[in-house]
Amino acid sequence: MLPPRFFTARLIAGWPGLLFLLALAAAAILVPLSNLVLPPSSPWHVPTHLVVLIGKWLCYALLAIALDLVWGYCGILSLGHGAFFALGGYAMGMYLMRQIGTRGVYGHPVLPDFMVFLNWKELPWYWYGFDQFWFAAIMVVAVPGALAFVFGWFAFRSRVTGVYLSIITQALTFALMLAFFRNDMGFGGNNGLTDFREILGFGVREQGTRAALFAITCAALAAGFLIARWIVTSRFGLVLVAIRDAESRTRFLGYRVDRYKLFVFVVSAMMAGVAGALYVPQVGIINPGEYAPTNSIEAVIWVAVGGRGTLVGAALGAFVVNAFKTWMTGAMPEVWLFALGALFVLVTLFLPKGILGTIRARRRQPAAQPQAATSPAPAPATAEQGP
């Protein structure tokens, strides 16, 4: 049973969290309805391609919250969270590939088309069980969580911190990218997994299925936010903030810092895996390019733009940066990477607290000024009092 504190205003982070949850609830209801019920001629009709695009941004927002949980509240700057996102996506992609069956190009009842093309004779052992949705759903969180546990166990026990940890996480996702590009890995090589047909018996490309996936993604993002907020507002979260601000002092006080960091790192990886699993059926493909280190770096920029250590700001940053990316890659695709770098530099110089962090700081200033004005002025020093 969840404690009563779970439902308090503190859990939803005040007005930003409340507005965020209300916006997600409204989007989960209104966007699918406007897409399915209203005719295309209506000015309120949301086209299917826009439903898919916003659904993709929602998945990115969940990844941003997962990253903010470890970076904003524990000081772990991970440049490899794209690996957990991609692993969750591949787990869902393997399930979707198994659902194709004899409807594939080669009509093989068990082997996916790319395996038949590469002359595979039998299904690899690690593909067993992915014909069942419940098994794939477990793997979506178990595989990223297991990788995060193994990686974090060695890294945090060895007290690897700061830029060294960031470089190692980036090397991890780069190594996975190189491995998944190989055809003999059994994951489709550079083409990845695609041509999906069904999910739980429903056509992936059907309008109703896309609308349902959008609503489910909204619910998953809201749940991810509440879980992360629950963690950071608990006593456990206070220790995480202490680790972020003074890790050595927290360790000297008797806390097992490595265990706290390991737990939150694993939870964050699982959330990223769920984001990847929801991303794949909406986009329709998963390939090794999702492991690219640039994707993980982009996620860090989302959090920095929105506001590190705010959760809601991380999701906001994911929406803002990806909306800007969608426009920029359509208008001037060759300058997108330069614009992304310039955005990060400008935010670092002029908005170091991010969008939401800056708004919060400005809202607190008027409350502090009257207090300073009404405080009594100090008495002047006398000769007996000294300077």
Protein backbone atom coordinates (compact mmCIF):
# COMPACT_ATOMS: atom_id res chain seq x y z
CA MET A 1 0.00 0.00 0.00
CA LEU A 2 1.37 3.39 -0.99
CA PRO A 3 1.89 5.90 1.82
CA PRO A 4 -0.51 8.88 1.96
CA ARG A 5 2.41 11.15 1.20
CA PHE A 6 2.43 9.65 -2.29
CA PHE A 7 -0.64 11.67 -3.16
CA THR A 8 0.41 14.97 -1.62
CA ALA A 9 1.17 18.18 -3.46
CA ARG A 10 4.81 17.71 -2.58
CA LEU A 11 4.93 14.55 -4.66
CA ILE A 12 3.63 16.25 -7.79
CA ALA A 13 6.21 19.06 -7.33
CA GLY A 14 3.73 21.90 -6.86
CA TRP A 15 2.17 23.71 -9.79
CA PRO A 16 4.67 22.51 -12.46
CA GLY A 17 4.03 18.88 -11.63
CA LEU A 18 0.27 19.40 -11.41
CA LEU A 19 0.16 21.18 -14.76
CA PHE A 20 2.36 18.49 -16.26
CA LEU A 21 0.08 15.66 -15.11
CA LEU A 22 -3.06 17.53 -16.18
CA ALA A 23 -1.55 18.19 -19.60
CA LEU A 24 -0.69 14.51 -20.01
CA ALA A 25 -4.19 13.47 -18.98
CA ALA A 26 -5.74 15.92 -21.42
CA ALA A 27 -3.44 14.83 -24.24
CA ALA A 28 -4.11 11.14 -23.58
CA ILE A 29 -7.84 11.75 -24.05
CA LEU A 30 -8.17 14.62 -26.51
CA VAL A 31 -5.46 13.75 -29.05
CA PRO A 32 -6.70 10.18 -29.76
CA LEU A 33 -10.31 11.37 -29.87
CA SER A 34 -9.54 14.21 -32.26
CA ASN A 35 -7.63 11.78 -34.46
CA LEU A 36 -10.26 9.03 -34.50
CA VAL A 37 -13.57 10.91 -34.23
CA LEU A 38 -13.14 14.25 -35.97
CA PRO A 39 -13.02 14.28 -39.79
CA PRO A 40 -9.81 15.40 -41.53
CA SER A 41 -11.60 18.53 -42.70
CA SER A 42 -12.08 19.69 -39.11
CA PRO A 43 -9.63 22.35 -37.86
CA TRP A 44 -9.38 20.40 -34.58
CA HIS A 45 -8.43 17.14 -36.28
CA VAL A 46 -4.98 15.82 -35.31
CA PRO A 47 -3.47 13.89 -38.25
CA THR A 48 -1.96 10.48 -37.65
CA HIS A 49 1.56 11.56 -38.53
CA LEU A 50 1.37 14.23 -35.82
CA VAL A 51 0.11 11.65 -33.31
CA VAL A 52 3.16 9.53 -34.09
CA LEU A 53 5.52 12.51 -33.87
CA ILE A 54 4.22 13.70 -30.50
CA GLY A 55 4.20 10.10 -29.26
CA LYS A 56 7.89 9.90 -30.10
CA TRP A 57 8.53 13.10 -28.15
CA LEU A 58 6.69 11.62 -25.17
CA CYS A 59 9.08 8.66 -25.23
CA TYR A 60 12.00 11.07 -25.30
CA ALA A 61 10.48 12.93 -22.34
CA LEU A 62 10.41 9.70 -20.32
CA LEU A 63 14.06 9.12 -21.20
CA ALA A 64 14.86 12.68 -20.10
CA ILE A 65 13.17 12.13 -16.72
CA ALA A 66 15.13 8.90 -16.28
CA LEU A 67 18.37 10.75 -16.97
CA ASP A 68 17.43 13.66 -14.71
CA LEU A 69 16.82 11.20 -11.89
CA VAL A 70 20.49 10.18 -11.85
CA TRP A 71 22.11 13.39 -13.05
CA GLY A 72 19.96 16.06 -11.45
CA TYR A 73 19.54 14.38 -8.07
CA CYS A 74 22.56 12.12 -7.69
CA GLY A 75 25.21 13.83 -9.79
CA ILE A 76 25.76 10.87 -12.13
CA LEU A 77 26.29 12.37 -15.58
CA SER A 78 25.53 9.39 -17.80
CA LEU A 79 26.46 9.72 -21.46
CA GLY A 80 25.21 6.21 -22.19
CA HIS A 81 21.50 6.26 -21.37
CA GLY A 82 20.81 5.79 -25.06
CA ALA A 83 22.05 2.22 -24.60
CA PHE A 84 19.29 1.42 -22.09
CA PHE A 85 16.75 3.11 -24.35
CA ALA A 86 17.89 1.02 -27.32
CA LEU A 87 17.94 -2.24 -25.34
CA GLY A 88 14.32 -1.75 -24.34
CA GLY A 89 13.53 -0.95 -27.96
CA TYR A 90 15.23 -4.09 -29.23
CA ALA A 91 13.36 -6.22 -26.70
CA MET A 92 10.05 -4.88 -28.02
CA GLY A 93 11.29 -5.14 -31.61
CA MET A 94 12.11 -8.83 -31.15
CA TYR A 95 8.55 -9.46 -29.97
CA LEU A 96 7.12 -7.57 -32.94
CA MET A 97 9.35 -9.52 -35.34
CA ARG A 98 8.14 -12.83 -33.92
CA GLN A 99 4.55 -11.73 -34.54
CA ILE A 100 5.15 -11.46 -38.30
CA GLY A 101 5.29 -15.24 -38.75
CA THR A 102 4.49 -16.50 -42.23
CA ARG A 103 3.49 -13.03 -43.44
CA GLY A 104 7.12 -12.12 -43.99
CA VAL A 105 8.81 -11.91 -47.38
CA TYR A 106 10.17 -15.45 -47.09
CA GLY A 107 7.17 -16.86 -45.24
CA HIS A 108 9.17 -18.72 -42.61
CA PRO A 109 6.99 -19.54 -39.58
CA VAL A 110 9.78 -19.01 -37.01
CA LEU A 111 12.79 -17.18 -38.43
CA PRO A 112 12.56 -13.45 -39.19
CA ASP A 113 13.24 -12.43 -42.78
CA PHE A 114 16.75 -11.15 -42.13
CA MET A 115 17.76 -14.49 -40.62
CA VAL A 116 16.44 -16.37 -43.64
CA PHE A 117 18.33 -13.98 -45.92
CA LEU A 118 21.55 -14.58 -43.95
CA ASN A 119 21.06 -18.38 -44.10
CA TRP A 120 20.40 -18.88 -40.41
CA LYS A 121 19.19 -22.45 -39.86
CA GLU A 122 17.56 -22.05 -36.47
CA LEU A 123 16.44 -19.36 -34.08
CA PRO A 124 19.15 -18.19 -31.63
CA TRP A 125 18.50 -19.15 -28.02
CA TYR A 126 18.20 -15.52 -26.91
CA TRP A 127 15.18 -15.12 -29.20
CA TYR A 128 13.24 -17.79 -27.34
CA GLY A 129 10.22 -16.54 -25.47
CA PHE A 130 9.84 -13.34 -27.48
CA ASP A 131 6.76 -14.73 -29.18
CA GLN A 132 4.95 -13.97 -25.88
CA PHE A 133 4.18 -10.38 -24.93
CA TRP A 134 4.55 -10.96 -21.18
CA PHE A 135 8.08 -12.28 -21.69
CA ALA A 136 9.03 -9.33 -23.89
CA ALA A 137 7.57 -6.91 -21.32
CA ILE A 138 9.77 -8.43 -18.62
CA MET A 139 12.85 -8.22 -20.84
CA VAL A 140 12.13 -4.55 -21.58
CA VAL A 141 13.01 -3.70 -17.98
CA ALA A 142 15.15 -6.71 -17.03
CA VAL A 143 17.80 -6.39 -19.73
CA PRO A 144 18.56 -2.65 -19.24
CA GLY A 145 18.30 -3.13 -15.48
CA ALA A 146 20.74 -6.06 -15.54
CA LEU A 147 23.25 -4.16 -17.65
CA ALA A 148 22.97 -1.12 -15.37
CA PHE A 149 23.41 -3.33 -12.30
CA VAL A 150 26.55 -5.04 -13.61
CA PHE A 151 28.05 -1.79 -14.88
CA GLY A 152 27.14 0.15 -11.75
CA TRP A 153 28.33 -2.60 -9.40
CA PHE A 154 31.88 -2.35 -10.69
CA ALA A 155 31.92 1.40 -11.40
CA PHE A 156 30.45 2.62 -8.12
CA ARG A 157 32.31 0.14 -5.92
CA SER A 158 35.51 1.32 -7.60
CA ARG A 159 34.46 4.91 -6.81
CA VAL A 160 34.63 6.02 -10.43
CA THR A 161 33.01 9.45 -10.56
CA GLY A 162 32.88 12.65 -12.55
CA VAL A 163 34.14 12.87 -16.09
CA TYR A 164 35.71 9.40 -15.88
CA LEU A 165 32.33 7.80 -15.28
CA SER A 166 30.80 9.83 -18.10
CA ILE A 167 33.49 8.65 -20.52
CA ILE A 168 32.98 5.02 -19.49
CA THR A 169 29.22 5.22 -20.03
CA GLN A 170 29.82 6.73 -23.45
CA ALA A 171 32.25 3.93 -24.27
CA LEU A 172 29.61 1.40 -23.18
CA THR A 173 26.98 2.63 -25.63
CA PHE A 174 29.57 2.96 -28.41
CA ALA A 175 30.69 -0.65 -27.88
CA LEU A 176 27.08 -1.84 -28.03
CA MET A 177 26.54 0.11 -31.24
CA LEU A 178 29.51 -1.60 -32.88
CA ALA A 179 28.35 -5.01 -31.67
CA PHE A 180 24.79 -4.60 -32.93
CA PHE A 181 26.02 -3.49 -36.34
CA ARG A 182 27.41 -7.00 -36.86
CA ASN A 183 25.16 -9.38 -38.81
CA ASP A 184 26.28 -12.38 -36.78
CA MET A 185 24.83 -10.85 -33.59
CA GLY A 186 21.37 -11.89 -34.74
CA PHE A 187 19.70 -8.48 -34.44
CA GLY A 188 19.44 -7.46 -38.08
CA GLY A 189 22.81 -5.77 -38.46
CA ASN A 190 22.79 -2.20 -39.72
CA ASN A 191 19.20 -2.54 -40.96
CA GLY A 192 17.94 -3.41 -37.50
CA LEU A 193 14.40 -4.68 -36.93
CA THR A 194 11.48 -3.32 -38.96
CA ASP A 195 8.43 -4.24 -41.05
CA PHE A 196 6.34 -4.83 -37.94
CA ARG A 197 2.76 -6.04 -38.41
CA GLU A 198 0.95 -6.69 -35.12
CA ILE A 199 1.09 -6.00 -31.41
CA LEU A 200 -1.22 -8.02 -29.19
CA GLY A 201 -3.24 -8.93 -32.26
CA PHE A 202 -3.77 -5.33 -33.41
CA GLY A 203 -2.23 -3.95 -36.57
CA VAL A 204 0.68 -1.67 -35.70
CA ARG A 205 -0.07 0.64 -38.62
CA GLU A 206 -3.77 0.98 -37.91
CA GLN A 207 -5.01 4.39 -36.84
CA GLY A 208 -6.67 3.07 -33.70
CA THR A 209 -3.52 1.26 -32.61
CA ARG A 210 -1.41 4.38 -33.00
CA ALA A 211 -3.91 6.38 -30.96
CA ALA A 212 -3.90 3.72 -28.24
CA LEU A 213 -0.10 3.67 -28.16
CA PHE A 214 -0.14 7.46 -27.77
CA ALA A 215 -2.45 7.24 -24.75
CA ILE A 216 -0.37 4.44 -23.21
CA THR A 217 2.78 6.51 -23.66
CA CYS A 218 1.14 9.44 -21.86
CA ALA A 219 0.23 7.12 -18.98
CA ALA A 220 3.76 5.66 -18.87
CA LEU A 221 5.28 9.16 -18.78
CA ALA A 222 2.99 10.18 -15.93
CA ALA A 223 3.85 6.99 -14.03
CA GLY A 224 7.56 7.51 -14.61
CA PHE A 225 7.33 11.06 -13.31
CA LEU A 226 5.45 9.96 -10.17
CA ILE A 227 7.92 7.15 -9.46
CA ALA A 228 10.89 9.48 -9.89
CA ARG A 229 9.24 12.16 -7.77
CA TRP A 230 8.43 9.63 -5.07
CA ILE A 231 12.09 8.62 -4.93
CA VAL A 232 13.50 12.14 -4.76
CA THR A 233 11.03 13.36 -2.10
CA SER A 234 11.70 10.43 0.23
CA ARG A 235 14.49 10.11 2.77
CA PHE A 236 16.30 8.06 0.15
CA GLY A 237 16.13 11.07 -2.16
CA LEU A 238 17.62 13.34 0.50
CA VAL A 239 20.62 11.03 0.66
CA LEU A 240 20.89 11.15 -3.13
CA VAL A 241 21.06 14.95 -3.03
CA ALA A 242 23.69 14.73 -0.29
CA ILE A 243 25.71 12.40 -2.51
CA ARG A 244 25.39 14.85 -5.37
CA ASP A 245 26.53 17.82 -3.31
CA ALA A 246 29.17 16.18 -1.07
CA GLU A 247 29.81 12.54 -1.85
CA SER A 248 32.87 12.15 0.36
CA ARG A 249 31.16 13.74 3.36
CA THR A 250 28.10 11.51 2.87
CA ARG A 251 30.32 8.45 2.80
CA PHE A 252 32.12 9.54 5.98
CA LEU A 253 28.75 9.88 7.71
CA GLY A 254 28.30 6.15 7.29
CA TYR A 255 26.08 5.88 4.21
CA ARG A 256 26.82 3.17 1.65
CA VAL A 257 27.08 5.58 -1.24
CA ASP A 258 27.68 2.87 -3.84
CA ARG A 259 24.40 1.15 -2.97
CA TYR A 260 22.36 4.32 -3.24
CA LYS A 261 23.90 5.16 -6.58
CA LEU A 262 23.47 1.62 -7.85
CA PHE A 263 19.78 1.51 -6.96
CA VAL A 264 18.87 4.80 -8.61
CA PHE A 265 21.01 3.96 -11.66
CA VAL A 266 19.17 0.66 -12.16
CA VAL A 267 15.75 2.30 -11.74
CA SER A 268 16.72 4.98 -14.25
CA ALA A 269 17.89 2.35 -16.76
CA MET A 270 14.59 0.48 -16.44
CA MET A 271 12.64 3.67 -17.11
CA ALA A 272 14.78 4.31 -20.18
CA GLY A 273 14.06 0.75 -21.36
CA VAL A 274 10.31 1.35 -21.09
CA ALA A 275 10.72 4.55 -23.11
CA GLY A 276 12.53 2.62 -25.84
CA ALA A 277 9.89 -0.12 -25.88
CA LEU A 278 7.11 2.43 -26.42
CA TYR A 279 9.17 4.22 -29.05
CA VAL A 280 9.63 1.23 -31.39
CA PRO A 281 6.01 0.33 -32.31
CA GLN A 282 5.21 3.99 -32.92
CA VAL A 283 8.22 4.73 -35.10
CA GLY A 284 8.25 1.30 -36.77
CA ILE A 285 11.98 0.55 -36.64
CA ILE A 286 14.89 0.00 -34.26
CA ASN A 287 18.48 -0.12 -35.51
CA PRO A 288 22.00 0.22 -34.05
CA GLY A 289 21.92 3.95 -34.74
CA GLU A 290 19.92 4.34 -31.51
CA TYR A 291 23.11 3.37 -29.62
CA ALA A 292 25.04 6.29 -31.14
CA PRO A 293 26.74 8.37 -28.40
CA THR A 294 25.29 11.52 -29.96
CA ASN A 295 21.80 10.36 -28.95
CA SER A 296 22.85 10.11 -25.31
CA ILE A 297 24.50 13.53 -25.51
CA GLU A 298 21.29 14.97 -26.95
CA ALA A 299 19.40 13.59 -23.96
CA VAL A 300 21.78 15.43 -21.65
CA ILE A 301 21.07 18.65 -23.57
CA TRP A 302 17.31 18.09 -23.14
CA VAL A 303 17.76 17.95 -19.38
CA ALA A 304 20.07 20.97 -19.32
CA VAL A 305 17.68 23.06 -21.42
CA GLY A 306 14.61 22.16 -19.39
CA GLY A 307 16.24 22.36 -15.99
CA ARG A 308 18.41 19.82 -14.21
CA GLY A 309 16.98 18.49 -10.96
CA THR A 310 13.36 19.39 -11.75
CA LEU A 311 11.98 16.28 -13.56
CA VAL A 312 9.22 18.36 -15.19
CA GLY A 313 11.86 20.59 -16.72
CA ALA A 314 13.64 17.56 -18.19
CA ALA A 315 10.45 16.50 -19.97
CA LEU A 316 9.89 20.10 -21.10
CA GLY A 317 13.43 20.26 -22.47
CA ALA A 318 12.85 17.06 -24.46
CA PHE A 319 9.78 18.60 -26.10
CA VAL A 320 11.42 21.97 -26.80
CA VAL A 321 14.65 20.60 -28.27
CA ASN A 322 12.95 17.92 -30.38
CA ALA A 323 10.38 20.38 -31.71
CA PHE A 324 13.28 22.64 -32.67
CA LYS A 325 15.08 19.65 -34.20
CA THR A 326 12.02 18.69 -36.27
CA TRP A 327 11.80 22.19 -37.70
CA MET A 328 15.55 22.60 -38.17
CA THR A 329 16.13 19.25 -39.90
CA GLY A 330 13.32 20.06 -42.29
CA ALA A 331 14.44 23.62 -43.05
CA MET A 332 18.25 23.40 -42.74
CA PRO A 333 19.31 19.81 -42.02
CA GLU A 334 22.99 20.46 -42.63
CA VAL A 335 23.29 22.93 -39.75
CA TRP A 336 21.37 20.98 -37.09
CA LEU A 337 24.42 19.70 -35.19
CA PHE A 338 25.91 23.20 -35.13
CA ALA A 339 22.61 24.59 -33.85
CA LEU A 340 22.48 21.91 -31.17
CA GLY A 341 25.97 22.77 -29.97
CA ALA A 342 25.16 26.48 -29.98
CA LEU A 343 21.98 25.78 -28.01
CA PHE A 344 23.92 23.95 -25.32
CA VAL A 345 26.50 26.75 -25.07
CA LEU A 346 23.83 29.45 -24.85
CA VAL A 347 21.88 27.59 -22.20
CA THR A 348 25.05 27.03 -20.17
CA LEU A 349 25.96 30.73 -20.31
CA PHE A 350 22.57 32.42 -19.97
CA LEU A 351 20.24 29.78 -18.51
CA PRO A 352 22.45 27.62 -16.27
CA LYS A 353 19.37 26.46 -14.34
CA GLY A 354 17.40 25.66 -17.47
CA ILE A 355 13.95 26.93 -18.41
CA LEU A 356 12.05 25.69 -15.38
CA GLY A 357 14.88 26.38 -12.95
CA THR A 358 15.10 29.98 -14.12
CA ILE A 359 11.33 30.47 -13.78
CA ARG A 360 11.44 29.11 -10.23
CA ALA A 361 14.35 31.39 -9.31
CA ARG A 362 12.54 34.47 -10.59
CA ARG A 363 9.36 33.55 -8.75
CA ARG A 364 11.28 33.40 -5.48
CA GLN A 365 12.90 36.83 -5.90
CA PRO A 366 9.81 38.99 -5.19
CA ALA A 367 9.17 37.03 -2.00
CA ALA A 368 12.71 37.66 -0.77
CA GLN A 369 12.76 41.43 -1.46
CA PRO A 370 9.99 42.54 0.98
CA GLN A 371 11.59 40.51 3.72
CA ALA A 372 14.87 42.30 3.16
CA ALA A 373 13.12 45.68 3.14
CA THR A 374 11.27 45.11 6.42
CA SER A 375 14.24 43.71 8.31
CA PRO A 376 15.63 46.18 10.88
CA ALA A 377 18.81 47.96 9.97
CA PRO A 378 21.86 47.03 12.06
CA ALA A 379 22.80 49.48 14.80
CA PRO A 380 25.91 51.54 14.08
CA ALA A 381 29.00 50.46 15.85
CA THR A 382 30.20 52.59 18.79
CA ALA A 383 33.61 53.00 20.28
CA GLU A 384 32.72 50.65 23.14
CA GLN A 385 31.34 48.05 20.72
CA GLY A 386 34.31 48.14 18.45
CA PRO A 387 34.24 47.63 14.70
